[in-house]
Amino acid sequence: MEILPIPAESFKVGFIGAGKMAESIARGVVASGVLPPNRICTAVHSDLNRRDVFESFGVNVFSTSEEVIKKAVTELKSKLSKNKILVSVAAGIKLNDLQEWSGQDRFIRVMPNTPAAVGEAASADEKMFDAVTGLSGSGPAYIFLAIEALADGGVAAGLPRELALSLASQTVSEHLHRFFNLLYYGIEYRN
């Protein structure tokens, strides 16, 4: 499927907070060509390192004091309208609460993880979202740790680190995907 760029003159993305999740989304949007970095802005807390990360790939940054999500959404309520789609990456905050606080129905709840930075995503119903967040939101960190451990084993056996990391990554990604599709769905890939 071809990704078409969003007309930069008519679309903006803003983040309340500039953590790793916002960074993953912003990097993915910019890298995919969907939106240029000058149409993305984010609010950072007092951590200037986060500001530097976003500015390093062209994202506009403005400062704000640290606020809990409810207060931030409530304070933004007057600026929200039916022609805006609101997206929350706040773990554990229900869609119904976000809609109530904002007075808007056009809210989407997402929990991106580090694969979002390279355009990978999945979706689930709101009723399953807390479980999805626990598995998919945190899961990549455990997988990356396993890949690193596999690579360490390869290095201990005499492989160069770059090769060991490449082999470990390939083993975990493509081969397991194919295995689980075959095991659970009977889908077999042929070259």
Protein backbone atom coordinates (compact mmCIF):
# COMPACT_ATOMS: atom_id res chain seq x y z
CA MET A 1 0.00 0.00 0.00
CA GLU A 2 1.36 3.39 -0.98
CA ILE A 3 1.55 6.02 1.75
CA LEU A 4 0.41 9.36 0.45
CA PRO A 5 1.72 12.51 2.12
CA ILE A 6 -0.78 14.58 4.07
CA PRO A 7 -1.05 18.12 2.65
CA ALA A 8 1.37 19.99 4.93
CA GLU A 9 -0.53 23.25 4.59
CA SER A 10 -3.69 21.75 6.11
CA PHE A 11 -2.52 19.32 8.77
CA LYS A 12 -0.53 19.55 11.99
CA VAL A 13 0.38 17.11 14.72
CA GLY A 14 0.90 18.31 18.27
CA PHE A 15 2.03 16.33 21.30
CA ILE A 16 1.36 17.13 24.93
CA GLY A 17 4.58 15.72 26.33
CA ALA A 18 7.78 14.75 24.57
CA GLY A 19 8.58 11.29 25.85
CA LYS A 20 9.75 8.22 23.97
CA MET A 21 6.24 7.48 22.67
CA ALA A 22 5.85 10.92 21.11
CA GLU A 23 9.35 10.59 19.69
CA SER A 24 8.57 7.20 18.10
CA ILE A 25 5.41 8.53 16.49
CA ALA A 26 7.06 11.73 15.28
CA ARG A 27 10.07 9.88 13.86
CA GLY A 28 7.80 7.40 12.09
CA VAL A 29 5.63 10.15 10.60
CA VAL A 30 8.68 12.09 9.38
CA ALA A 31 10.61 9.04 8.12
CA SER A 32 7.60 7.74 6.18
CA GLY A 33 7.15 11.07 4.45
CA VAL A 34 3.57 11.41 5.71
CA LEU A 35 4.23 14.80 7.25
CA PRO A 36 7.22 17.16 7.25
CA PRO A 37 8.81 17.91 10.64
CA ASN A 38 7.85 21.59 10.57
CA ARG A 39 4.15 20.57 10.89
CA ILE A 40 4.80 18.70 14.15
CA CYS A 41 5.08 20.35 17.55
CA THR A 42 5.38 19.07 21.08
CA ALA A 43 5.35 20.39 24.62
CA VAL A 44 8.27 19.33 26.81
CA HIS A 45 8.64 19.37 30.53
CA SER A 46 11.79 20.75 32.09
CA ASP A 47 14.04 18.08 30.52
CA LEU A 48 16.11 19.95 27.93
CA ASN A 49 17.53 16.68 26.56
CA ARG A 50 14.05 15.79 25.26
CA ARG A 51 13.84 19.19 23.56
CA ASP A 52 17.18 18.51 21.84
CA VAL A 53 16.01 15.09 20.60
CA PHE A 54 12.95 16.56 18.88
CA GLU A 55 14.79 19.58 17.51
CA SER A 56 17.44 17.24 16.06
CA PHE A 57 14.98 16.02 13.42
CA GLY A 58 13.22 19.31 12.80
CA VAL A 59 10.20 19.17 15.12
CA ASN A 60 8.97 22.44 16.62
CA VAL A 61 9.13 22.45 20.42
CA PHE A 62 7.39 24.69 22.91
CA SER A 63 7.53 24.49 26.71
CA THR A 64 4.78 23.91 29.22
CA SER A 65 4.61 22.99 32.87
CA GLU A 66 4.08 19.35 33.78
CA GLU A 67 0.40 18.50 34.02
CA VAL A 68 -1.61 15.37 34.43
CA ILE A 69 -3.56 14.33 31.37
CA LYS A 70 -6.97 15.23 32.80
CA LYS A 71 -5.88 18.78 33.56
CA ALA A 72 -4.22 19.17 30.14
CA VAL A 73 -7.25 17.87 28.25
CA THR A 74 -9.66 19.95 30.35
CA GLU A 75 -7.62 23.11 29.77
CA LEU A 76 -7.50 22.45 26.02
CA LYS A 77 -11.25 21.81 25.83
CA SER A 78 -12.06 25.29 24.48
CA LYS A 79 -9.56 24.85 21.63
CA LEU A 80 -10.93 21.50 20.51
CA SER A 81 -13.46 21.10 17.72
CA LYS A 82 -15.26 18.42 15.73
CA ASN A 83 -12.78 18.80 12.86
CA LYS A 84 -9.85 17.67 15.03
CA ILE A 85 -8.95 14.10 15.82
CA LEU A 86 -7.47 13.71 19.28
CA VAL A 87 -5.02 10.89 19.91
CA SER A 88 -3.98 9.71 23.36
CA VAL A 89 -0.85 7.71 24.12
CA ALA A 90 -1.51 7.88 27.86
CA ALA A 91 -1.37 4.34 29.24
CA GLY A 92 -4.26 3.31 31.45
CA ILE A 93 -6.52 6.28 30.69
CA LYS A 94 -9.81 5.05 29.24
CA LEU A 95 -11.31 6.37 26.03
CA ASN A 96 -14.57 7.24 27.83
CA ASP A 97 -12.68 9.43 30.30
CA LEU A 98 -10.79 11.23 27.54
CA GLN A 99 -14.04 11.87 25.66
CA GLU A 100 -15.76 13.13 28.80
CA TRP A 101 -12.91 15.48 29.79
CA SER A 102 -12.57 16.89 26.27
CA GLY A 103 -16.24 17.04 25.39
CA GLN A 104 -15.28 15.41 22.06
CA ASP A 105 -16.10 12.01 20.59
CA ARG A 106 -13.28 12.07 18.05
CA PHE A 107 -10.65 10.58 20.34
CA ILE A 108 -8.38 7.69 19.46
CA ARG A 109 -6.45 5.79 22.09
CA VAL A 110 -3.13 4.34 20.94
CA MET A 111 -0.14 2.75 22.58
CA PRO A 112 2.74 2.86 20.17
CA ASN A 113 5.97 1.14 20.99
CA THR A 114 9.45 1.46 19.57
CA PRO A 115 8.48 -0.34 16.31
CA ALA A 116 6.25 2.68 15.56
CA ALA A 117 9.44 4.54 14.67
CA VAL A 118 9.81 2.24 11.64
CA GLY A 119 6.14 2.22 10.65
CA GLU A 120 4.97 -0.97 12.36
CA ALA A 121 1.54 -0.98 14.04
CA ALA A 122 -1.42 -3.12 15.11
CA SER A 123 -4.91 -2.35 16.41
CA ALA A 124 -7.40 -3.72 18.95
CA ASP A 125 -10.80 -2.92 20.44
CA GLU A 126 -10.90 -0.47 23.36
CA LYS A 127 -12.13 -3.21 25.75
CA MET A 128 -8.86 -5.10 25.21
CA PHE A 129 -6.61 -2.07 25.24
CA ASP A 130 -5.11 -2.36 28.72
CA ALA A 131 -4.03 -5.94 28.01
CA VAL A 132 -2.74 -4.95 24.56
CA THR A 133 -0.75 -2.12 26.14
CA GLY A 134 0.86 -4.49 28.64
CA LEU A 135 1.86 -6.95 25.94
CA SER A 136 2.59 -4.79 22.92
CA GLY A 137 3.64 -1.57 24.63
CA SER A 138 6.23 -3.18 26.89
CA GLY A 139 6.93 -6.35 24.94
CA PRO A 140 9.50 -4.95 22.52
CA ALA A 141 11.83 -4.05 25.39
CA TYR A 142 11.91 -7.70 26.45
CA ILE A 143 12.43 -8.87 22.89
CA PHE A 144 15.31 -6.41 22.43
CA LEU A 145 16.86 -7.75 25.64
CA ALA A 146 16.52 -11.32 24.31
CA ILE A 147 18.12 -10.29 20.99
CA GLU A 148 21.00 -8.71 22.86
CA ALA A 149 21.45 -11.88 24.94
CA LEU A 150 21.42 -14.05 21.80
CA ALA A 151 23.99 -11.76 20.20
CA ASP A 152 26.16 -11.92 23.34
CA GLY A 153 26.09 -15.71 23.01
CA GLY A 154 27.15 -15.42 19.39
CA VAL A 155 30.02 -13.11 20.32
CA ALA A 156 31.09 -15.54 23.07
CA ALA A 157 31.14 -18.28 20.40
CA GLY A 158 33.44 -16.20 18.19
CA LEU A 159 31.13 -14.17 15.93
CA PRO A 160 31.73 -10.47 15.34
CA ARG A 161 29.15 -8.37 17.24
CA GLU A 162 27.59 -6.86 14.09
CA LEU A 163 26.99 -10.32 12.58
CA ALA A 164 25.72 -11.72 15.89
CA LEU A 165 23.21 -8.85 16.25
CA SER A 166 22.07 -9.25 12.66
CA LEU A 167 21.54 -13.00 13.03
CA ALA A 168 19.78 -12.67 16.38
CA SER A 169 17.47 -9.94 15.04
CA GLN A 170 16.61 -11.93 11.93
CA THR A 171 15.93 -15.04 14.00
CA VAL A 172 13.50 -13.24 16.26
CA SER A 173 11.67 -11.25 13.60
CA GLU A 174 10.92 -13.04 10.35
CA HIS A 175 11.34 -16.65 11.38
CA LEU A 176 9.09 -16.39 14.44
CA HIS A 177 6.45 -14.47 12.50
CA ARG A 178 6.32 -17.24 9.90
CA PHE A 179 6.36 -19.98 12.55
CA PHE A 180 3.42 -18.53 14.49
CA ASN A 181 1.40 -17.93 11.32
CA LEU A 182 1.92 -21.56 10.34
CA LEU A 183 1.30 -22.92 13.84
CA TYR A 184 -1.84 -20.93 14.65
CA TYR A 185 -3.35 -20.07 11.27
CA GLY A 186 -1.98 -22.67 8.88
CA ILE A 187 -0.45 -19.93 6.72
CA GLU A 188 2.69 -21.16 5.02
CA TYR A 189 5.05 -18.87 3.12
CA ARG A 190 6.82 -20.05 0.01
CA ASN A 191 9.61 -18.31 -1.89
